[in-house]
Each structure stands twice: as C-alpha cells, then as structure tokens.
C-alpha cells in the first residue's frame, strides 16, 4: 500500500465509528472470525481497544492483520483501522 493510499483510507476512517471492541479476553478465535467477516463485508473497519484489555493496541493490530490477511492503516491511541481489499466489485473502495 502506498503512502497516498494509506492517507486516503485514514481520511475515510476519520468519520467512521468503531464496529468492534477488544476487551479483557483479548484475541479469541471467535473474535478473529468476527473481524474477518467484518472485513469481508466492509473492507475498511475501525476497532476500539477497551481500557480493561492489557495488550498493546499496536501489537494487537499486527496480530489481527496477520491472522485476517489485512493491512494496518493506522493505530491511534486505542483505535485500530484495518483494510482488506474485498471481492465484491460493487462495494469496493477505489484507492487513488
């Protein structure tokens, strides 16, 4: 992903709400599956890491990206933004 594409996705993510939250259970197989399904449906998702989660958000982002074959767009504080190119041409985000 180029810098220009990453900046474009960051701009899109600014107005988005978090659709998933990571809590004290951290990364479970069920949560990984939920993230995978959300990426398949939306391509670009935002995840919140709750205060009771003891893991570092940046390391969590890397683990999630590896397991779901996604790319980390950004990690700001306790917010993670992920992108994975979708298969449906009608819902596709067109990157510059």
PDB file of N, CA and C in Angstrom:
ATOM      1  N   UNK A   1       0.841  -1.168   0.000  1.00  0.00           N
ATOM      2  CA  UNK A   1       0.000   0.000   0.000  1.00  0.00           C
ATOM      3  C   UNK A   1       0.894   1.242   0.000  1.00  0.00           C
ATOM      4  N   UNK A   2       0.569   2.178  -0.881  1.00  0.00           N
ATOM      5  CA  UNK A   2       1.376   3.389  -0.962  1.00  0.00           C
ATOM      6  C   UNK A   2       0.972   4.386   0.124  1.00  0.00           C
ATOM      7  N   UNK A   3       1.786   5.389   0.309  1.00  0.00           N
ATOM      8  CA  UNK A   3       1.511   6.425   1.301  1.00  0.00           C
ATOM      9  C   UNK A   3       0.240   7.186   0.948  1.00  0.00           C
ATOM     10  N   UNK A   4       0.050   7.436  -0.344  1.00  0.00           N
ATOM     11  CA  UNK A   4      -1.138   8.153  -0.800  1.00  0.00           C
ATOM     12  C   UNK A   4      -2.407   7.340  -0.514  1.00  0.00           C
ATOM     13  N   UNK A   5      -2.351   6.041  -0.753  1.00  0.00           N
ATOM     14  CA  UNK A   5      -3.494   5.170  -0.483  1.00  0.00           C
ATOM     15  C   UNK A   5      -3.796   5.115   1.010  1.00  0.00           C
ATOM     16  N   UNK A   6      -2.744   5.008   1.812  1.00  0.00           N
ATOM     17  CA  UNK A   6      -2.908   4.965   3.266  1.00  0.00           C
ATOM     18  C   UNK A   6      -3.544   6.272   3.758  1.00  0.00           C
ATOM     19  N   UNK A   7      -3.100   7.407   3.238  1.00  0.00           N
ATOM     20  CA  UNK A   7      -3.655   8.708   3.634  1.00  0.00           C
ATOM     21  C   UNK A   7      -5.132   8.794   3.246  1.00  0.00           C
ATOM     22  N   UNK A   8      -5.490   8.281   2.084  1.00  0.00           N
ATOM     23  CA  UNK A   8      -6.887   8.278   1.635  1.00  0.00           C
ATOM     24  C   UNK A   8      -7.751   7.443   2.577  1.00  0.00           C
ATOM     25  N   UNK A   9      -7.257   6.264   2.952  1.00  0.00           N
ATOM     26  CA  UNK A   9      -8.005   5.395   3.858  1.00  0.00           C
ATOM     27  C   UNK A   9      -8.126   6.008   5.257  1.00  0.00           C
ATOM     28  N   UNK A  10      -7.087   6.699   5.709  1.00  0.00           N
ATOM     29  CA  UNK A  10      -7.143   7.386   7.003  1.00  0.00           C
ATOM     30  C   UNK A  10      -8.243   8.438   6.981  1.00  0.00           C
ATOM     31  N   UNK A  11      -8.349   9.146   5.864  1.00  0.00           N
ATOM     32  CA  UNK A  11      -9.399  10.158   5.712  1.00  0.00           C
ATOM     33  C   UNK A  11     -10.787   9.544   5.778  1.00  0.00           C
ATOM     34  N   UNK A  12     -10.968   8.405   5.138  1.00  0.00           N
ATOM     35  CA  UNK A  12     -12.257   7.716   5.184  1.00  0.00           C
ATOM     36  C   UNK A  12     -12.569   7.236   6.598  1.00  0.00           C
ATOM     37  N   UNK A  13     -11.548   6.779   7.309  1.00  0.00           N
ATOM     38  CA  UNK A  13     -11.733   6.222   8.649  1.00  0.00           C
ATOM     39  C   UNK A  13     -12.048   7.297   9.689  1.00  0.00           C
ATOM     40  N   UNK A  14     -11.694   8.542   9.420  1.00  0.00           N
ATOM     41  CA  UNK A  14     -11.924   9.627  10.381  1.00  0.00           C
ATOM     42  C   UNK A  14     -13.398   9.738  10.771  1.00  0.00           C
ATOM     43  N   UNK A  15     -14.290   9.537   9.811  1.00  0.00           N
ATOM     44  CA  UNK A  15     -15.719   9.719  10.068  1.00  0.00           C
ATOM     45  C   UNK A  15     -16.412   8.435  10.513  1.00  0.00           C
ATOM     46  N   UNK A  16     -15.686   7.331  10.499  1.00  0.00           N
ATOM     47  CA  UNK A  16     -16.277   6.039  10.857  1.00  0.00           C
ATOM     48  C   UNK A  16     -16.374   5.864  12.373  1.00  0.00           C
ATOM     49  N   UNK A  17     -17.363   5.068  12.785  1.00  0.00           N
ATOM     50  CA  UNK A  17     -17.451   4.651  14.181  1.00  0.00           C
ATOM     51  C   UNK A  17     -16.818   3.270  14.315  1.00  0.00           C
ATOM     52  N   UNK A  18     -16.351   2.947  15.509  1.00  0.00           N
ATOM     53  CA  UNK A  18     -15.804   1.611  15.765  1.00  0.00           C
ATOM     54  C   UNK A  18     -16.934   0.589  15.686  1.00  0.00           C
ATOM     55  N   UNK A  19     -16.672  -0.526  15.013  1.00  0.00           N
ATOM     56  CA  UNK A  19     -17.711  -1.552  14.914  1.00  0.00           C
ATOM     57  C   UNK A  19     -17.422  -2.747  15.814  1.00  0.00           C
ATOM     58  N   UNK A  20     -16.190  -2.848  16.302  1.00  0.00           N
ATOM     59  CA  UNK A  20     -15.829  -3.947  17.199  1.00  0.00           C
ATOM     60  C   UNK A  20     -15.007  -3.394  18.363  1.00  0.00           C
ATOM     61  N   UNK A  21     -15.033  -4.125  19.487  1.00  0.00           N
ATOM     62  CA  UNK A  21     -14.276  -3.719  20.659  1.00  0.00           C
ATOM     63  C   UNK A  21     -13.504  -4.917  21.207  1.00  0.00           C
ATOM     64  N   UNK A  22     -12.239  -4.687  21.543  1.00  0.00           N
ATOM     65  CA  UNK A  22     -11.418  -5.728  22.151  1.00  0.00           C
ATOM     66  C   UNK A  22     -11.407  -5.475  23.654  1.00  0.00           C
ATOM     67  N   UNK A  23     -11.839  -6.458  24.428  1.00  0.00           N
ATOM     68  CA  UNK A  23     -11.919  -6.311  25.874  1.00  0.00           C
ATOM     69  C   UNK A  23     -10.878  -7.142  26.598  1.00  0.00           C
ATOM     70  N   UNK A  24     -11.208  -7.551  27.818  1.00  0.00           N
ATOM     71  CA  UNK A  24     -10.236  -8.254  28.656  1.00  0.00           C
ATOM     72  C   UNK A  24      -9.885  -9.638  28.129  1.00  0.00           C
ATOM     73  N   UNK A  25     -10.747 -10.254  27.311  1.00  0.00           N
ATOM     74  CA  UNK A  25     -10.430 -11.566  26.734  1.00  0.00           C
ATOM     75  C   UNK A  25      -9.423 -11.476  25.600  1.00  0.00           C
ATOM     76  N   UNK A  26      -9.156 -10.277  25.133  1.00  0.00           N
ATOM     77  CA  UNK A  26      -8.208 -10.007  24.064  1.00  0.00           C
ATOM     78  C   UNK A  26      -8.582 -10.769  22.799  1.00  0.00           C
ATOM     79  N   UNK A  27      -7.631 -11.455  22.188  1.00  0.00           N
ATOM     80  CA  UNK A  27      -7.862 -12.101  20.892  1.00  0.00           C
ATOM     81  C   UNK A  27      -8.282 -13.551  21.070  1.00  0.00           C
ATOM     82  N   UNK A  28      -9.515 -13.841  20.741  1.00  0.00           N
ATOM     83  CA  UNK A  28     -10.018 -15.217  20.748  1.00  0.00           C
ATOM     84  C   UNK A  28     -10.277 -15.625  19.301  1.00  0.00           C
ATOM     85  N   UNK A  29     -10.352 -16.925  19.013  1.00  0.00           N
ATOM     86  CA  UNK A  29     -10.661 -17.357  17.641  1.00  0.00           C
ATOM     87  C   UNK A  29     -12.001 -16.811  17.142  1.00  0.00           C
ATOM     88  N   UNK A  30     -12.972 -16.685  18.039  1.00  0.00           N
ATOM     89  CA  UNK A  30     -14.277 -16.153  17.648  1.00  0.00           C
ATOM     90  C   UNK A  30     -14.171 -14.684  17.250  1.00  0.00           C
ATOM     91  N   UNK A  31     -13.360 -13.922  17.988  1.00  0.00           N
ATOM     92  CA  UNK A  31     -13.187 -12.505  17.675  1.00  0.00           C
ATOM     93  C   UNK A  31     -12.454 -12.331  16.347  1.00  0.00           C
ATOM     94  N   UNK A  32     -11.467 -13.178  16.105  1.00  0.00           N
ATOM     95  CA  UNK A  32     -10.744 -13.137  14.831  1.00  0.00           C
ATOM     96  C   UNK A  32     -11.705 -13.412  13.678  1.00  0.00           C
ATOM     97  N   UNK A  33     -12.608 -14.356  13.864  1.00  0.00           N
ATOM     98  CA  UNK A  33     -13.601 -14.680  12.837  1.00  0.00           C
ATOM     99  C   UNK A  33     -14.541 -13.501  12.600  1.00  0.00           C
ATOM    100  N   UNK A  34     -14.944 -12.825  13.669  1.00  0.00           N
ATOM    101  CA  UNK A  34     -15.823 -11.657  13.558  1.00  0.00           C
ATOM    102  C   UNK A  34     -15.132 -10.534  12.775  1.00  0.00           C
ATOM    103  N   UNK A  35     -13.853 -10.321  13.029  1.00  0.00           N
ATOM    104  CA  UNK A  35     -13.094  -9.305  12.302  1.00  0.00           C
ATOM    105  C   UNK A  35     -12.993  -9.681  10.831  1.00  0.00           C
ATOM    106  N   UNK A  36     -12.732 -10.955  10.562  1.00  0.00           N
ATOM    107  CA  UNK A  36     -12.625 -11.442   9.190  1.00  0.00           C
ATOM    108  C   UNK A  36     -13.935 -11.206   8.426  1.00  0.00           C
ATOM    109  N   UNK A  37     -15.064 -11.498   9.069  1.00  0.00           N
ATOM    110  CA  UNK A  37     -16.368 -11.289   8.439  1.00  0.00           C
ATOM    111  C   UNK A  37     -16.651  -9.802   8.213  1.00  0.00           C
ATOM    112  N   UNK A  38     -16.262  -8.965   9.172  1.00  0.00           N
ATOM    113  CA  UNK A  38     -16.466  -7.522   9.026  1.00  0.00           C
ATOM    114  C   UNK A  38     -15.631  -6.967   7.870  1.00  0.00           C
ATOM    115  N   UNK A  39     -14.399  -7.447   7.738  1.00  0.00           N
ATOM    116  CA  UNK A  39     -13.554  -7.009   6.625  1.00  0.00           C
ATOM    117  C   UNK A  39     -14.124  -7.462   5.283  1.00  0.00           C
ATOM    118  N   UNK A  40     -14.691  -8.650   5.243  1.00  0.00           N
ATOM    119  CA  UNK A  40     -15.295  -9.153   4.008  1.00  0.00           C
ATOM    120  C   UNK A  40     -16.492  -8.291   3.611  1.00  0.00           C
ATOM    121  N   UNK A  41     -17.235  -7.807   4.601  1.00  0.00           N
ATOM    122  CA  UNK A  41     -18.427  -7.013   4.325  1.00  0.00           C
ATOM    123  C   UNK A  41     -18.117  -5.546   4.019  1.00  0.00           C
ATOM    124  N   UNK A  42     -17.072  -4.988   4.669  1.00  0.00           N
ATOM    125  CA  UNK A  42     -16.848  -3.540   4.587  1.00  0.00           C
ATOM    126  C   UNK A  42     -15.525  -3.098   3.974  1.00  0.00           C
ATOM    127  N   UNK A  43     -14.528  -3.912   3.965  1.00  0.00           N
ATOM    128  CA  UNK A  43     -13.162  -3.594   3.523  1.00  0.00           C
ATOM    129  C   UNK A  43     -12.374  -2.742   4.516  1.00  0.00           C
ATOM    130  N   UNK A  44     -12.984  -1.699   5.067  1.00  0.00           N
ATOM    131  CA  UNK A  44     -12.307  -0.787   5.986  1.00  0.00           C
ATOM    132  C   UNK A  44     -13.076  -0.781   7.305  1.00  0.00           C
ATOM    133  N   UNK A  45     -12.398  -1.142   8.398  1.00  0.00           N
ATOM    134  CA  UNK A  45     -13.077  -1.197   9.696  1.00  0.00           C
ATOM    135  C   UNK A  45     -12.235  -0.504  10.761  1.00  0.00           C
ATOM    136  N   UNK A  46     -12.926  -0.062  11.803  1.00  0.00           N
ATOM    137  CA  UNK A  46     -12.265   0.560  12.954  1.00  0.00           C
ATOM    138  C   UNK A  46     -12.605  -0.270  14.182  1.00  0.00           C
ATOM    139  N   UNK A  47     -11.588  -0.552  15.000  1.00  0.00           N
ATOM    140  CA  UNK A  47     -11.739  -1.367  16.199  1.00  0.00           C
ATOM    141  C   UNK A  47     -11.253  -0.556  17.395  1.00  0.00           C
ATOM    142  N   UNK A  48     -12.006  -0.617  18.492  1.00  0.00           N
ATOM    143  CA  UNK A  48     -11.602   0.038  19.741  1.00  0.00           C
ATOM    144  C   UNK A  48     -11.000  -0.992  20.683  1.00  0.00           C
ATOM    145  N   UNK A  49      -9.934  -0.604  21.350  1.00  0.00           N
ATOM    146  CA  UNK A  49      -9.346  -1.449  22.394  1.00  0.00           C
ATOM    147  C   UNK A  49      -9.777  -0.847  23.719  1.00  0.00           C
ATOM    148  N   UNK A  50     -10.536  -1.599  24.499  1.00  0.00           N
ATOM    149  CA  UNK A  50     -11.063  -1.088  25.760  1.00  0.00           C
ATOM    150  C   UNK A  50      -9.965  -0.973  26.821  1.00  0.00           C
ATOM    151  N   UNK A  51     -10.224  -0.191  27.857  1.00  0.00           N
ATOM    152  CA  UNK A  51      -9.233   0.045  28.913  1.00  0.00           C
ATOM    153  C   UNK A  51      -8.893  -1.218  29.690  1.00  0.00           C
ATOM    154  N   UNK A  52      -9.838  -2.167  29.776  1.00  0.00           N
ATOM    155  CA  UNK A  52      -9.567  -3.384  30.550  1.00  0.00           C
ATOM    156  C   UNK A  52      -8.764  -4.421  29.769  1.00  0.00           C
ATOM    157  N   UNK A  53      -8.402  -4.124  28.536  1.00  0.00           N
ATOM    158  CA  UNK A  53      -7.538  -5.009  27.750  1.00  0.00           C
ATOM    159  C   UNK A  53      -6.083  -4.666  28.082  1.00  0.00           C
ATOM    160  N   UNK A  54      -5.334  -5.653  28.503  1.00  0.00           N
ATOM    161  CA  UNK A  54      -3.962  -5.408  28.932  1.00  0.00           C
ATOM    162  C   UNK A  54      -2.940  -5.382  27.805  1.00  0.00           C
ATOM    163  N   UNK A  55      -3.352  -5.723  26.590  1.00  0.00           N
ATOM    164  CA  UNK A  55      -2.407  -5.789  25.473  1.00  0.00           C
ATOM    165  C   UNK A  55      -2.205  -4.428  24.812  1.00  0.00           C
ATOM    166  N   UNK A  56      -1.057  -4.283  24.168  1.00  0.00           N
ATOM    167  CA  UNK A  56      -0.720  -3.065  23.440  1.00  0.00           C
ATOM    168  C   UNK A  56      -1.516  -3.011  22.134  1.00  0.00           C
ATOM    169  N   UNK A  57      -2.203  -1.903  21.843  1.00  0.00           N
ATOM    170  CA  UNK A  57      -3.001  -1.821  20.613  1.00  0.00           C
ATOM    171  C   UNK A  57      -2.188  -2.028  19.331  1.00  0.00           C
ATOM    172  N   UNK A  58      -0.945  -1.552  19.295  1.00  0.00           N
ATOM    173  CA  UNK A  58      -0.138  -1.714  18.082  1.00  0.00           C
ATOM    174  C   UNK A  58       0.197  -3.185  17.838  1.00  0.00           C
ATOM    175  N   UNK A  59       0.547  -3.905  18.886  1.00  0.00           N
ATOM    176  CA  UNK A  59       0.852  -5.327  18.719  1.00  0.00           C
ATOM    177  C   UNK A  59      -0.413  -6.114  18.380  1.00  0.00           C
ATOM    178  N   UNK A  60      -1.548  -5.727  18.970  1.00  0.00           N
ATOM    179  CA  UNK A  60      -2.815  -6.359  18.619  1.00  0.00           C
ATOM    180  C   UNK A  60      -3.139  -6.146  17.142  1.00  0.00           C
ATOM    181  N   UNK A  61      -2.903  -4.938  16.655  1.00  0.00           N
ATOM    182  CA  UNK A  61      -3.169  -4.631  15.242  1.00  0.00           C
ATOM    183  C   UNK A  61      -2.348  -5.525  14.323  1.00  0.00           C
ATOM    184  N   UNK A  62      -1.087  -5.728  14.665  1.00  0.00           N
ATOM    185  CA  UNK A  62      -0.218  -6.586  13.848  1.00  0.00           C
ATOM    186  C   UNK A  62      -0.701  -8.034  13.865  1.00  0.00           C
ATOM    187  N   UNK A  63      -1.120  -8.514  15.030  1.00  0.00           N
ATOM    188  CA  UNK A  63      -1.617  -9.889  15.151  1.00  0.00           C
ATOM    189  C   UNK A  63      -2.892 -10.063  14.333  1.00  0.00           C
ATOM    190  N   UNK A  64      -3.814  -9.107  14.456  1.00  0.00           N
ATOM    191  CA  UNK A  64      -5.071  -9.178  13.714  1.00  0.00           C
ATOM    192  C   UNK A  64      -4.813  -9.147  12.220  1.00  0.00           C
ATOM    193  N   UNK A  65      -3.941  -8.243  11.785  1.00  0.00           N
ATOM    194  CA  UNK A  65      -3.638  -8.119  10.360  1.00  0.00           C
ATOM    195  C   UNK A  65      -3.048  -9.416   9.808  1.00  0.00           C
ATOM    196  N   UNK A  66      -2.176 -10.036  10.579  1.00  0.00           N
ATOM    197  CA  UNK A  66      -1.569 -11.295  10.147  1.00  0.00           C
ATOM    198  C   UNK A  66      -2.611 -12.407  10.037  1.00  0.00           C
ATOM    199  N   UNK A  67      -3.490 -12.505  11.024  1.00  0.00           N
ATOM    200  CA  UNK A  67      -4.488 -13.576  11.040  1.00  0.00           C
ATOM    201  C   UNK A  67      -5.583 -13.397   9.989  1.00  0.00           C
ATOM    202  N   UNK A  68      -5.903 -12.150   9.648  1.00  0.00           N
ATOM    203  CA  UNK A  68      -7.002 -11.898   8.706  1.00  0.00           C
ATOM    204  C   UNK A  68      -6.517 -11.504   7.313  1.00  0.00           C
ATOM    205  N   UNK A  69      -5.206 -11.474   7.110  1.00  0.00           N
ATOM    206  CA  UNK A  69      -4.606 -11.087   5.831  1.00  0.00           C
ATOM    207  C   UNK A  69      -5.024  -9.664   5.442  1.00  0.00           C
ATOM    208  N   UNK A  70      -5.066  -8.775   6.434  1.00  0.00           N
ATOM    209  CA  UNK A  70      -5.436  -7.376   6.221  1.00  0.00           C
ATOM    210  C   UNK A  70      -4.198  -6.501   6.385  1.00  0.00           C
ATOM    211  N   UNK A  71      -4.378  -5.203   6.145  1.00  0.00           N
ATOM    212  CA  UNK A  71      -3.293  -4.255   6.340  1.00  0.00           C
ATOM    213  C   UNK A  71      -3.688  -3.258   7.417  1.00  0.00           C
ATOM    214  N   UNK A  72      -2.732  -2.925   8.261  1.00  0.00           N
ATOM    215  CA  UNK A  72      -2.966  -1.922   9.301  1.00  0.00           C
ATOM    216  C   UNK A  72      -2.845  -0.553   8.642  1.00  0.00           C
ATOM    217  N   UNK A  73      -3.929   0.208   8.671  1.00  0.00           N
ATOM    218  CA  UNK A  73      -3.903   1.560   8.113  1.00  0.00           C
ATOM    219  C   UNK A  73      -3.306   2.509   9.136  1.00  0.00           C
ATOM    220  N   UNK A  74      -3.817   2.431  10.379  1.00  0.00           N
ATOM    221  CA  UNK A  74      -3.260   3.270  11.438  1.00  0.00           C
ATOM    222  C   UNK A  74      -3.680   2.749  12.801  1.00  0.00           C
ATOM    223  N   UNK A  75      -2.889   3.118  13.789  1.00  0.00           N
ATOM    224  CA  UNK A  75      -3.222   2.860  15.188  1.00  0.00           C
ATOM    225  C   UNK A  75      -3.019   4.187  15.913  1.00  0.00           C
ATOM    226  N   UNK A  76      -4.120   4.743  16.424  1.00  0.00           N
ATOM    227  CA  UNK A  76      -4.042   5.997  17.173  1.00  0.00           C
ATOM    228  C   UNK A  76      -4.646   5.740  18.540  1.00  0.00           C
ATOM    229  N   UNK A  77      -3.826   5.854  19.564  1.00  0.00           N
ATOM    230  CA  UNK A  77      -4.306   5.594  20.918  1.00  0.00           C
ATOM    231  C   UNK A  77      -4.818   4.178  21.041  1.00  0.00           C
ATOM    232  N   UNK A  78      -6.113   4.042  21.290  1.00  0.00           N
ATOM    233  CA  UNK A  78      -6.723   2.718  21.436  1.00  0.00           C
ATOM    234  C   UNK A  78      -7.649   2.402  20.263  1.00  0.00           C
ATOM    235  N   UNK A  79      -7.426   3.035  19.126  1.00  0.00           N
ATOM    236  CA  UNK A  79      -8.215   2.785  17.919  1.00  0.00           C
ATOM    237  C   UNK A  79      -7.324   2.158  16.851  1.00  0.00           C
ATOM    238  N   UNK A  80      -7.848   1.089  16.230  1.00  0.00           N
ATOM    239  CA  UNK A  80      -7.134   0.386  15.171  1.00  0.00           C
ATOM    240  C   UNK A  80      -7.973   0.476  13.901  1.00  0.00           C
ATOM    241  N   UNK A  81      -7.350   0.832  12.788  1.00  0.00           N
ATOM    242  CA  UNK A  81      -8.045   0.859  11.499  1.00  0.00           C
ATOM    243  C   UNK A  81      -7.380  -0.170  10.592  1.00  0.00           C
ATOM    244  N   UNK A  82      -8.206  -1.073  10.040  1.00  0.00           N
ATOM    245  CA  UNK A  82      -7.715  -2.141   9.171  1.00  0.00           C
ATOM    246  C   UNK A  82      -8.379  -2.071   7.803  1.00  0.00           C
ATOM    247  N   UNK A  83      -7.641  -2.498   6.783  1.00  0.00           N
ATOM    248  CA  UNK A  83      -8.171  -2.539   5.419  1.00  0.00           C
ATOM    249  C   UNK A  83      -7.801  -3.866   4.778  1.00  0.00           C
ATOM    250  N   UNK A  84      -8.770  -4.448   4.075  1.00  0.00           N
ATOM    251  CA  UNK A  84      -8.504  -5.617   3.248  1.00  0.00           C
ATOM    252  C   UNK A  84      -9.359  -5.487   2.005  1.00  0.00           C
ATOM    253  N   UNK A  85      -8.723  -5.618   0.854  1.00  0.00           N
ATOM    254  CA  UNK A  85      -9.443  -5.483  -0.407  1.00  0.00           C
ATOM    255  C   UNK A  85     -10.514  -6.559  -0.514  1.00  0.00           C
ATOM    256  N   UNK A  86     -11.706  -6.128  -0.882  1.00  0.00           N
ATOM    257  CA  UNK A  86     -12.840  -7.048  -0.972  1.00  0.00           C
ATOM    258  C   UNK A  86     -12.964  -7.676  -2.355  1.00  0.00           C
ATOM    259  N   UNK A  87     -13.812  -8.682  -2.421  1.00  0.00           N
ATOM    260  CA  UNK A  87     -14.024  -9.388  -3.682  1.00  0.00           C
ATOM    261  C   UNK A  87     -15.208  -8.840  -4.469  1.00  0.00           C
ATOM    262  N   UNK A  88     -16.160  -8.201  -3.781  1.00  0.00           N
ATOM    263  CA  UNK A  88     -17.360  -7.666  -4.438  1.00  0.00           C
ATOM    264  C   UNK A  88     -17.030  -6.343  -5.117  1.00  0.00           C
ATOM    265  N   UNK A  89     -17.160  -6.305  -6.429  1.00  0.00           N
ATOM    266  CA  UNK A  89     -16.801  -5.097  -7.194  1.00  0.00           C
ATOM    267  C   UNK A  89     -17.733  -3.935  -6.923  1.00  0.00           C
ATOM    268  N   UNK A  90     -18.979  -4.192  -6.526  1.00  0.00           N
ATOM    269  CA  UNK A  90     -19.941  -3.119  -6.274  1.00  0.00           C
ATOM    270  C   UNK A  90     -19.653  -2.359  -4.982  1.00  0.00           C
ATOM    271  N   UNK A  91     -19.059  -3.013  -4.006  1.00  0.00           N
ATOM    272  CA  UNK A  91     -18.787  -2.399  -2.699  1.00  0.00           C
ATOM    273  C   UNK A  91     -17.353  -1.947  -2.552  1.00  0.00           C
ATOM    274  N   UNK A  92     -16.554  -2.095  -3.576  1.00  0.00           N
ATOM    275  CA  UNK A  92     -15.119  -1.848  -3.497  1.00  0.00           C
ATOM    276  C   UNK A  92     -14.786  -0.379  -3.251  1.00  0.00           C
ATOM    277  N   UNK A  93     -13.810  -0.141  -2.374  1.00  0.00           N
ATOM    278  CA  UNK A  93     -13.261   1.195  -2.163  1.00  0.00           C
ATOM    279  C   UNK A  93     -12.213   1.413  -3.246  1.00  0.00           C
ATOM    280  N   UNK A  94     -12.367   2.485  -4.003  1.00  0.00           N
ATOM    281  CA  UNK A  94     -11.418   2.770  -5.088  1.00  0.00           C
ATOM    282  C   UNK A  94     -10.273   3.593  -4.517  1.00  0.00           C
ATOM    283  N   UNK A  95      -9.097   2.989  -4.514  1.00  0.00           N
ATOM    284  CA  UNK A  95      -7.912   3.676  -3.983  1.00  0.00           C
ATOM    285  C   UNK A  95      -7.268   4.523  -5.075  1.00  0.00           C
ATOM    286  N   UNK A  96      -6.735   5.679  -4.685  1.00  0.00           N
ATOM    287  CA  UNK A  96      -6.064   6.537  -5.677  1.00  0.00           C
ATOM    288  C   UNK A  96      -4.770   5.942  -6.181  1.00  0.00           C
TER     289      UNK A  96
END
